[in-house]
N, C-alpha and C. Protein backbone atom coordinates (compact mmCIF):
# COMPACT_ATOMS: atom_id res chain seq x y z
N UNK A 1 -42.63 -53.02 97.76
CA UNK A 1 -42.07 -53.21 96.45
C UNK A 1 -41.62 -54.65 96.24
N UNK A 2 -41.85 -55.11 95.03
CA UNK A 2 -41.42 -56.48 94.72
C UNK A 2 -40.11 -56.43 93.95
N UNK A 3 -39.26 -57.40 94.18
CA UNK A 3 -37.97 -57.43 93.47
C UNK A 3 -38.15 -58.20 92.15
N UNK A 4 -37.42 -57.72 91.10
CA UNK A 4 -37.51 -58.37 89.79
C UNK A 4 -36.18 -59.04 89.48
N UNK A 5 -36.23 -60.13 88.76
CA UNK A 5 -35.04 -60.86 88.35
C UNK A 5 -34.77 -60.64 86.87
N UNK A 6 -34.62 -59.41 86.48
CA UNK A 6 -34.39 -59.10 85.06
C UNK A 6 -33.43 -57.92 84.98
N UNK A 7 -32.86 -57.74 83.76
CA UNK A 7 -31.96 -56.62 83.53
C UNK A 7 -32.76 -55.46 82.96
N UNK A 8 -32.35 -54.27 83.35
CA UNK A 8 -33.02 -53.09 82.78
C UNK A 8 -32.42 -52.80 81.41
N UNK A 9 -33.10 -51.96 80.65
CA UNK A 9 -32.63 -51.59 79.32
C UNK A 9 -31.28 -50.89 79.38
N UNK A 10 -31.06 -50.10 80.40
CA UNK A 10 -29.79 -49.39 80.55
C UNK A 10 -28.66 -50.39 80.81
N UNK A 11 -28.90 -51.39 81.61
CA UNK A 11 -27.88 -52.41 81.89
C UNK A 11 -27.52 -53.21 80.63
N UNK A 12 -28.51 -53.58 79.86
CA UNK A 12 -28.26 -54.32 78.63
C UNK A 12 -27.49 -53.45 77.64
N UNK A 13 -27.87 -52.18 77.52
CA UNK A 13 -27.18 -51.26 76.62
C UNK A 13 -25.73 -51.07 77.05
N UNK A 14 -25.49 -50.92 78.31
CA UNK A 14 -24.11 -50.75 78.82
C UNK A 14 -23.29 -52.01 78.56
N UNK A 15 -23.88 -53.18 78.77
CA UNK A 15 -23.16 -54.43 78.54
C UNK A 15 -22.81 -54.58 77.05
N UNK A 16 -23.73 -54.27 76.16
CA UNK A 16 -23.46 -54.34 74.73
C UNK A 16 -22.37 -53.34 74.32
N UNK A 17 -22.38 -52.17 74.93
CA UNK A 17 -21.34 -51.17 74.64
C UNK A 17 -19.97 -51.65 75.07
N UNK A 18 -19.89 -52.24 76.23
CA UNK A 18 -18.61 -52.76 76.73
C UNK A 18 -18.11 -53.90 75.84
N UNK A 19 -19.01 -54.80 75.46
CA UNK A 19 -18.62 -55.91 74.58
C UNK A 19 -18.17 -55.38 73.22
N UNK A 20 -18.91 -54.40 72.69
CA UNK A 20 -18.56 -53.81 71.39
C UNK A 20 -17.18 -53.16 71.42
N UNK A 21 -16.89 -52.41 72.45
CA UNK A 21 -15.58 -51.77 72.56
C UNK A 21 -14.46 -52.78 72.81
N UNK A 22 -14.80 -53.92 73.39
CA UNK A 22 -13.80 -54.97 73.61
C UNK A 22 -13.50 -55.73 72.33
N UNK A 23 -14.50 -55.95 71.50
CA UNK A 23 -14.32 -56.72 70.27
C UNK A 23 -13.66 -55.89 69.17
N UNK A 24 -13.87 -54.60 69.15
CA UNK A 24 -13.32 -53.74 68.09
C UNK A 24 -11.80 -53.85 67.95
N UNK A 25 -11.00 -53.80 69.02
CA UNK A 25 -9.55 -53.99 68.85
C UNK A 25 -9.17 -55.38 68.33
N UNK A 26 -9.94 -56.40 68.70
CA UNK A 26 -9.66 -57.74 68.22
C UNK A 26 -9.88 -57.84 66.71
N UNK A 27 -10.93 -57.22 66.21
CA UNK A 27 -11.18 -57.21 64.77
C UNK A 27 -10.07 -56.46 64.06
N UNK A 28 -9.63 -55.36 64.62
CA UNK A 28 -8.53 -54.59 64.03
C UNK A 28 -7.25 -55.44 63.99
N UNK A 29 -6.97 -56.17 65.06
CA UNK A 29 -5.79 -57.04 65.10
C UNK A 29 -5.89 -58.16 64.06
N UNK A 30 -7.07 -58.69 63.86
CA UNK A 30 -7.24 -59.75 62.87
C UNK A 30 -6.96 -59.22 61.46
N UNK A 31 -7.45 -58.04 61.14
CA UNK A 31 -7.20 -57.50 59.80
C UNK A 31 -5.72 -57.19 59.62
N UNK A 32 -5.06 -56.69 60.66
CA UNK A 32 -3.62 -56.45 60.59
C UNK A 32 -2.86 -57.77 60.41
N UNK A 33 -3.32 -58.82 61.08
CA UNK A 33 -2.70 -60.13 60.94
C UNK A 33 -2.84 -60.67 59.52
N UNK A 34 -3.99 -60.47 58.89
CA UNK A 34 -4.18 -60.93 57.52
C UNK A 34 -3.27 -60.18 56.55
N UNK A 35 -3.11 -58.87 56.75
CA UNK A 35 -2.23 -58.08 55.89
C UNK A 35 -0.78 -58.55 56.06
N UNK A 36 -0.36 -58.78 57.28
CA UNK A 36 0.99 -59.25 57.56
C UNK A 36 1.21 -60.63 56.94
N UNK A 37 0.20 -61.49 57.01
CA UNK A 37 0.31 -62.81 56.43
C UNK A 37 0.46 -62.72 54.90
N UNK A 38 -0.29 -61.83 54.27
CA UNK A 38 -0.17 -61.66 52.82
C UNK A 38 1.21 -61.14 52.43
N UNK A 39 1.73 -60.17 53.19
CA UNK A 39 3.08 -59.65 52.93
C UNK A 39 4.12 -60.76 53.05
N UNK A 40 4.01 -61.55 54.10
CA UNK A 40 4.97 -62.64 54.30
C UNK A 40 4.86 -63.67 53.18
N UNK A 41 3.66 -63.96 52.73
CA UNK A 41 3.46 -64.92 51.64
C UNK A 41 4.10 -64.40 50.35
N UNK A 42 3.93 -63.11 50.07
CA UNK A 42 4.56 -62.52 48.87
C UNK A 42 6.08 -62.52 48.99
N UNK A 43 6.61 -62.29 50.19
CA UNK A 43 8.06 -62.35 50.38
C UNK A 43 8.58 -63.76 50.11
N UNK A 44 7.84 -64.77 50.57
CA UNK A 44 8.24 -66.15 50.32
C UNK A 44 8.19 -66.45 48.83
N UNK A 45 7.14 -65.99 48.15
CA UNK A 45 7.04 -66.18 46.69
C UNK A 45 8.22 -65.53 45.98
N UNK A 46 8.58 -64.31 46.41
CA UNK A 46 9.72 -63.62 45.80
C UNK A 46 11.01 -64.41 46.01
N UNK A 47 11.19 -64.98 47.19
CA UNK A 47 12.39 -65.78 47.46
C UNK A 47 12.42 -67.04 46.60
N UNK A 48 11.27 -67.66 46.40
CA UNK A 48 11.20 -68.86 45.55
C UNK A 48 11.54 -68.50 44.11
N UNK A 49 11.00 -67.39 43.63
CA UNK A 49 11.30 -66.95 42.26
C UNK A 49 12.78 -66.62 42.12
N UNK A 50 13.34 -65.93 43.11
CA UNK A 50 14.77 -65.61 43.06
C UNK A 50 15.61 -66.88 43.03
N UNK A 51 15.22 -67.87 43.82
CA UNK A 51 15.95 -69.14 43.82
C UNK A 51 15.88 -69.81 42.45
N UNK A 52 14.72 -69.74 41.78
CA UNK A 52 14.58 -70.30 40.44
C UNK A 52 15.51 -69.59 39.45
N UNK A 53 15.53 -68.25 39.50
CA UNK A 53 16.34 -67.47 38.58
C UNK A 53 17.83 -67.73 38.83
N UNK A 54 18.22 -67.81 40.10
CA UNK A 54 19.62 -68.08 40.44
C UNK A 54 20.02 -69.48 39.97
N UNK A 55 19.15 -70.46 40.18
CA UNK A 55 19.45 -71.83 39.75
C UNK A 55 19.60 -71.89 38.23
N UNK A 56 18.76 -71.16 37.52
CA UNK A 56 18.86 -71.13 36.06
C UNK A 56 20.17 -70.47 35.62
N UNK A 57 20.57 -69.42 36.33
CA UNK A 57 21.85 -68.76 36.00
C UNK A 57 23.02 -69.69 36.29
N UNK A 58 22.93 -70.48 37.35
CA UNK A 58 24.01 -71.41 37.68
C UNK A 58 24.10 -72.56 36.68
N UNK A 59 22.99 -72.93 36.06
CA UNK A 59 23.00 -73.99 35.04
C UNK A 59 23.44 -73.47 33.68
N UNK A 60 23.40 -72.16 33.48
CA UNK A 60 23.77 -71.57 32.18
C UNK A 60 25.28 -71.63 32.00
N UNK A 61 25.75 -71.65 30.75
CA UNK A 61 27.20 -71.56 30.53
C UNK A 61 27.74 -70.26 31.13
N UNK A 62 28.89 -70.38 31.77
CA UNK A 62 29.46 -69.23 32.49
C UNK A 62 29.70 -68.05 31.56
N UNK A 63 30.19 -68.32 30.35
CA UNK A 63 30.47 -67.23 29.41
C UNK A 63 29.20 -66.58 28.90
N UNK A 64 28.05 -67.24 29.05
CA UNK A 64 26.79 -66.70 28.56
C UNK A 64 26.01 -65.92 29.59
N UNK A 65 26.55 -65.78 30.82
CA UNK A 65 25.83 -65.02 31.85
C UNK A 65 25.77 -63.55 31.46
N UNK A 66 24.57 -63.01 31.49
CA UNK A 66 24.41 -61.59 31.20
C UNK A 66 23.21 -61.04 31.95
N UNK A 67 23.23 -59.74 32.18
CA UNK A 67 22.12 -59.09 32.86
C UNK A 67 20.88 -59.13 31.97
N UNK A 68 19.74 -59.36 32.58
CA UNK A 68 18.48 -59.39 31.85
C UNK A 68 17.39 -58.72 32.67
N UNK A 69 16.32 -58.40 32.00
CA UNK A 69 15.15 -57.88 32.70
C UNK A 69 14.48 -56.82 31.87
N UNK A 70 13.25 -56.55 32.13
CA UNK A 70 12.44 -57.28 33.12
C UNK A 70 11.92 -58.60 32.57
N UNK A 71 11.77 -59.54 33.50
CA UNK A 71 11.10 -60.80 33.22
C UNK A 71 9.80 -60.72 34.02
N UNK A 72 8.68 -60.81 33.34
CA UNK A 72 7.39 -60.71 34.03
C UNK A 72 6.96 -62.09 34.47
N UNK A 73 6.47 -62.18 35.71
CA UNK A 73 6.05 -63.47 36.26
C UNK A 73 4.71 -63.33 36.96
N UNK A 74 3.96 -64.44 36.93
CA UNK A 74 2.70 -64.46 37.66
C UNK A 74 2.98 -64.85 39.11
N UNK A 75 1.92 -64.98 39.89
CA UNK A 75 2.07 -65.27 41.32
C UNK A 75 2.73 -66.62 41.58
N UNK A 76 2.57 -67.55 40.66
CA UNK A 76 3.14 -68.89 40.81
C UNK A 76 4.60 -68.96 40.37
N UNK A 77 5.12 -67.89 39.78
CA UNK A 77 6.51 -67.88 39.33
C UNK A 77 6.68 -68.32 37.89
N UNK A 78 5.60 -68.36 37.14
CA UNK A 78 5.67 -68.70 35.72
C UNK A 78 5.98 -67.45 34.90
N UNK A 79 6.93 -67.57 33.99
CA UNK A 79 7.31 -66.44 33.15
C UNK A 79 6.17 -66.13 32.18
N UNK A 80 5.94 -64.83 31.97
CA UNK A 80 4.91 -64.38 31.05
C UNK A 80 5.55 -63.70 29.85
N UNK A 81 4.84 -63.71 28.74
CA UNK A 81 5.31 -63.01 27.55
C UNK A 81 5.09 -61.51 27.75
N UNK A 82 5.77 -60.72 26.93
CA UNK A 82 5.63 -59.28 27.05
C UNK A 82 4.18 -58.85 26.83
N UNK A 83 3.47 -59.55 25.95
CA UNK A 83 2.07 -59.21 25.69
C UNK A 83 1.18 -59.48 26.91
N UNK A 84 1.65 -60.33 27.83
CA UNK A 84 0.89 -60.65 29.05
C UNK A 84 1.39 -59.88 30.26
N UNK A 85 2.26 -58.91 30.04
CA UNK A 85 2.89 -58.20 31.17
C UNK A 85 1.88 -57.46 32.04
N UNK A 86 0.72 -57.14 31.49
CA UNK A 86 -0.30 -56.47 32.31
C UNK A 86 -0.81 -57.38 33.41
N UNK A 87 -0.69 -58.70 33.22
CA UNK A 87 -1.14 -59.67 34.23
C UNK A 87 -0.03 -60.05 35.20
N UNK A 88 1.14 -59.46 35.05
CA UNK A 88 2.28 -59.84 35.88
C UNK A 88 2.10 -59.37 37.32
N UNK A 89 2.53 -60.21 38.22
CA UNK A 89 2.53 -59.87 39.64
C UNK A 89 3.92 -59.41 40.06
N UNK A 90 4.95 -60.00 39.45
CA UNK A 90 6.33 -59.69 39.78
C UNK A 90 7.10 -59.29 38.52
N UNK A 91 8.05 -58.38 38.68
CA UNK A 91 9.04 -58.07 37.65
C UNK A 91 10.39 -58.48 38.20
N UNK A 92 11.13 -59.25 37.41
CA UNK A 92 12.41 -59.80 37.86
C UNK A 92 13.53 -59.24 36.99
N UNK A 93 14.59 -58.78 37.64
CA UNK A 93 15.77 -58.27 36.94
C UNK A 93 16.98 -59.06 37.44
N UNK A 94 17.83 -59.45 36.51
CA UNK A 94 19.05 -60.17 36.84
C UNK A 94 20.23 -59.30 36.44
N UNK A 95 21.09 -59.00 37.40
CA UNK A 95 22.29 -58.20 37.12
C UNK A 95 23.50 -59.08 37.39
N UNK A 96 24.38 -59.15 36.41
CA UNK A 96 25.60 -59.94 36.54
C UNK A 96 26.78 -58.97 36.58
N UNK A 97 27.55 -59.03 37.66
CA UNK A 97 28.78 -58.23 37.73
C UNK A 97 29.89 -58.99 37.03
N UNK A 98 30.63 -58.29 36.21
CA UNK A 98 31.69 -59.01 35.48
C UNK A 98 32.76 -59.49 36.46
N UNK A 99 33.39 -60.56 36.10
CA UNK A 99 34.30 -61.27 37.00
C UNK A 99 35.50 -60.43 37.41
N UNK A 100 35.90 -59.51 36.58
CA UNK A 100 37.09 -58.73 36.91
C UNK A 100 36.74 -57.43 37.63
N UNK A 101 35.44 -57.14 37.79
CA UNK A 101 35.03 -55.88 38.39
C UNK A 101 35.08 -55.89 39.90
N UNK A 102 34.72 -54.77 40.48
CA UNK A 102 34.75 -54.63 41.94
C UNK A 102 33.63 -55.39 42.61
N UNK A 103 32.64 -55.86 41.84
CA UNK A 103 31.55 -56.63 42.42
C UNK A 103 31.94 -58.05 42.76
N UNK A 104 33.11 -58.47 42.35
CA UNK A 104 33.56 -59.83 42.61
C UNK A 104 34.39 -59.82 43.89
N UNK A 105 33.88 -60.43 44.97
CA UNK A 105 34.57 -60.34 46.26
C UNK A 105 35.90 -61.08 46.30
N UNK A 106 36.08 -62.09 45.46
CA UNK A 106 37.31 -62.87 45.52
C UNK A 106 38.28 -62.51 44.40
N UNK A 107 37.85 -61.69 43.47
CA UNK A 107 38.73 -61.27 42.38
C UNK A 107 39.07 -62.38 41.40
N UNK A 108 38.30 -63.45 41.39
CA UNK A 108 38.58 -64.57 40.51
C UNK A 108 37.82 -64.42 39.19
N UNK A 109 38.48 -64.68 38.07
CA UNK A 109 37.75 -64.62 36.80
C UNK A 109 36.79 -65.80 36.62
N UNK A 110 36.84 -66.77 37.50
CA UNK A 110 35.95 -67.92 37.44
C UNK A 110 34.77 -67.81 38.39
N UNK A 111 34.52 -66.60 38.85
CA UNK A 111 33.44 -66.37 39.81
C UNK A 111 32.71 -65.10 39.43
N UNK A 112 31.41 -65.14 39.39
CA UNK A 112 30.59 -63.96 39.09
C UNK A 112 29.56 -63.77 40.19
N UNK A 113 29.29 -62.53 40.51
CA UNK A 113 28.27 -62.21 41.49
C UNK A 113 27.02 -61.80 40.74
N UNK A 114 25.90 -62.42 41.07
CA UNK A 114 24.65 -62.05 40.43
C UNK A 114 23.69 -61.51 41.48
N UNK A 115 22.87 -60.56 41.06
CA UNK A 115 21.85 -59.97 41.94
C UNK A 115 20.51 -60.09 41.24
N UNK A 116 19.56 -60.69 41.93
CA UNK A 116 18.19 -60.78 41.42
C UNK A 116 17.36 -59.76 42.19
N UNK A 117 16.74 -58.86 41.45
CA UNK A 117 15.87 -57.85 42.05
C UNK A 117 14.45 -58.14 41.61
N UNK A 118 13.55 -58.22 42.57
CA UNK A 118 12.14 -58.52 42.28
C UNK A 118 11.30 -57.37 42.81
N UNK A 119 10.46 -56.83 41.91
CA UNK A 119 9.56 -55.75 42.29
C UNK A 119 8.15 -56.15 41.89
N UNK A 120 7.20 -55.35 42.29
CA UNK A 120 5.82 -55.58 41.88
C UNK A 120 4.86 -55.05 42.92
N UNK A 121 3.63 -54.86 42.47
CA UNK A 121 2.60 -54.32 43.37
C UNK A 121 2.34 -55.26 44.54
N UNK A 122 2.49 -56.56 44.33
CA UNK A 122 2.27 -57.52 45.43
C UNK A 122 3.27 -57.33 46.56
N UNK A 123 4.41 -56.74 46.24
CA UNK A 123 5.45 -56.50 47.25
C UNK A 123 5.39 -55.06 47.76
N UNK A 124 4.31 -54.38 47.48
CA UNK A 124 4.18 -52.99 47.92
C UNK A 124 5.16 -52.08 47.20
N UNK A 125 5.57 -52.48 46.01
CA UNK A 125 6.53 -51.73 45.19
C UNK A 125 7.85 -51.47 45.93
N UNK A 126 8.14 -52.32 46.91
CA UNK A 126 9.45 -52.29 47.58
C UNK A 126 10.27 -53.43 47.01
N UNK A 127 11.36 -53.13 46.33
CA UNK A 127 12.13 -54.21 45.70
C UNK A 127 12.76 -55.14 46.74
N UNK A 128 12.82 -56.41 46.38
CA UNK A 128 13.52 -57.41 47.17
C UNK A 128 14.75 -57.82 46.37
N UNK A 129 15.90 -57.86 47.01
CA UNK A 129 17.15 -58.18 46.33
C UNK A 129 17.77 -59.44 46.93
N UNK A 130 18.26 -60.29 46.04
CA UNK A 130 18.88 -61.55 46.44
C UNK A 130 20.21 -61.65 45.68
N UNK A 131 21.26 -62.02 46.39
CA UNK A 131 22.60 -62.13 45.79
C UNK A 131 23.07 -63.58 45.82
N UNK A 132 23.88 -63.91 44.82
CA UNK A 132 24.48 -65.25 44.76
C UNK A 132 25.77 -65.17 43.99
N UNK A 133 26.62 -66.15 44.22
CA UNK A 133 27.86 -66.29 43.45
C UNK A 133 27.70 -67.46 42.50
N UNK A 134 28.19 -67.28 41.28
CA UNK A 134 28.13 -68.34 40.28
C UNK A 134 29.57 -68.66 39.89
N UNK A 135 29.91 -69.95 39.96
CA UNK A 135 31.27 -70.38 39.64
C UNK A 135 31.31 -70.93 38.22
N UNK A 136 32.45 -70.76 37.58
CA UNK A 136 32.70 -71.35 36.27
C UNK A 136 33.03 -72.81 36.50
N UNK A 137 32.14 -73.69 36.07
CA UNK A 137 32.34 -75.12 36.29
C UNK A 137 33.03 -75.78 35.09
N UNK A 138 33.56 -74.97 34.20
CA UNK A 138 34.31 -75.50 33.08
C UNK A 138 33.45 -76.08 31.98
N UNK A 139 32.24 -75.53 31.78
CA UNK A 139 31.40 -76.06 30.71
C UNK A 139 31.69 -75.39 29.46
């Protein structure tokens, strides 16, 4: 008998099967990584939008602070008109606790607690809430 320097069909098939089963979990991990990256990106966008809304509330006259919502926003954080709400990625709600209420941790009439709640399909319909204190700067 002569010896051959080649692989048999069974050996090649077994090697391909082993490689296939090894690569399958890696592909699954990559898709999970992409989903996690998208969720994290949407969380960052929600935080940026909340920071914008809080900054706007802090620039507003203290006596004019009031709860509002929904404010529809696109992915970039631009406010949309009600007629464009079907294109909205985020819905933003601003709740202002009155200064004399139990929501005010310091009990000062010159301090208000605001809560920004952001919802939307991009966030998996799980609301994100951000809190801030707004001081009366005497405007």
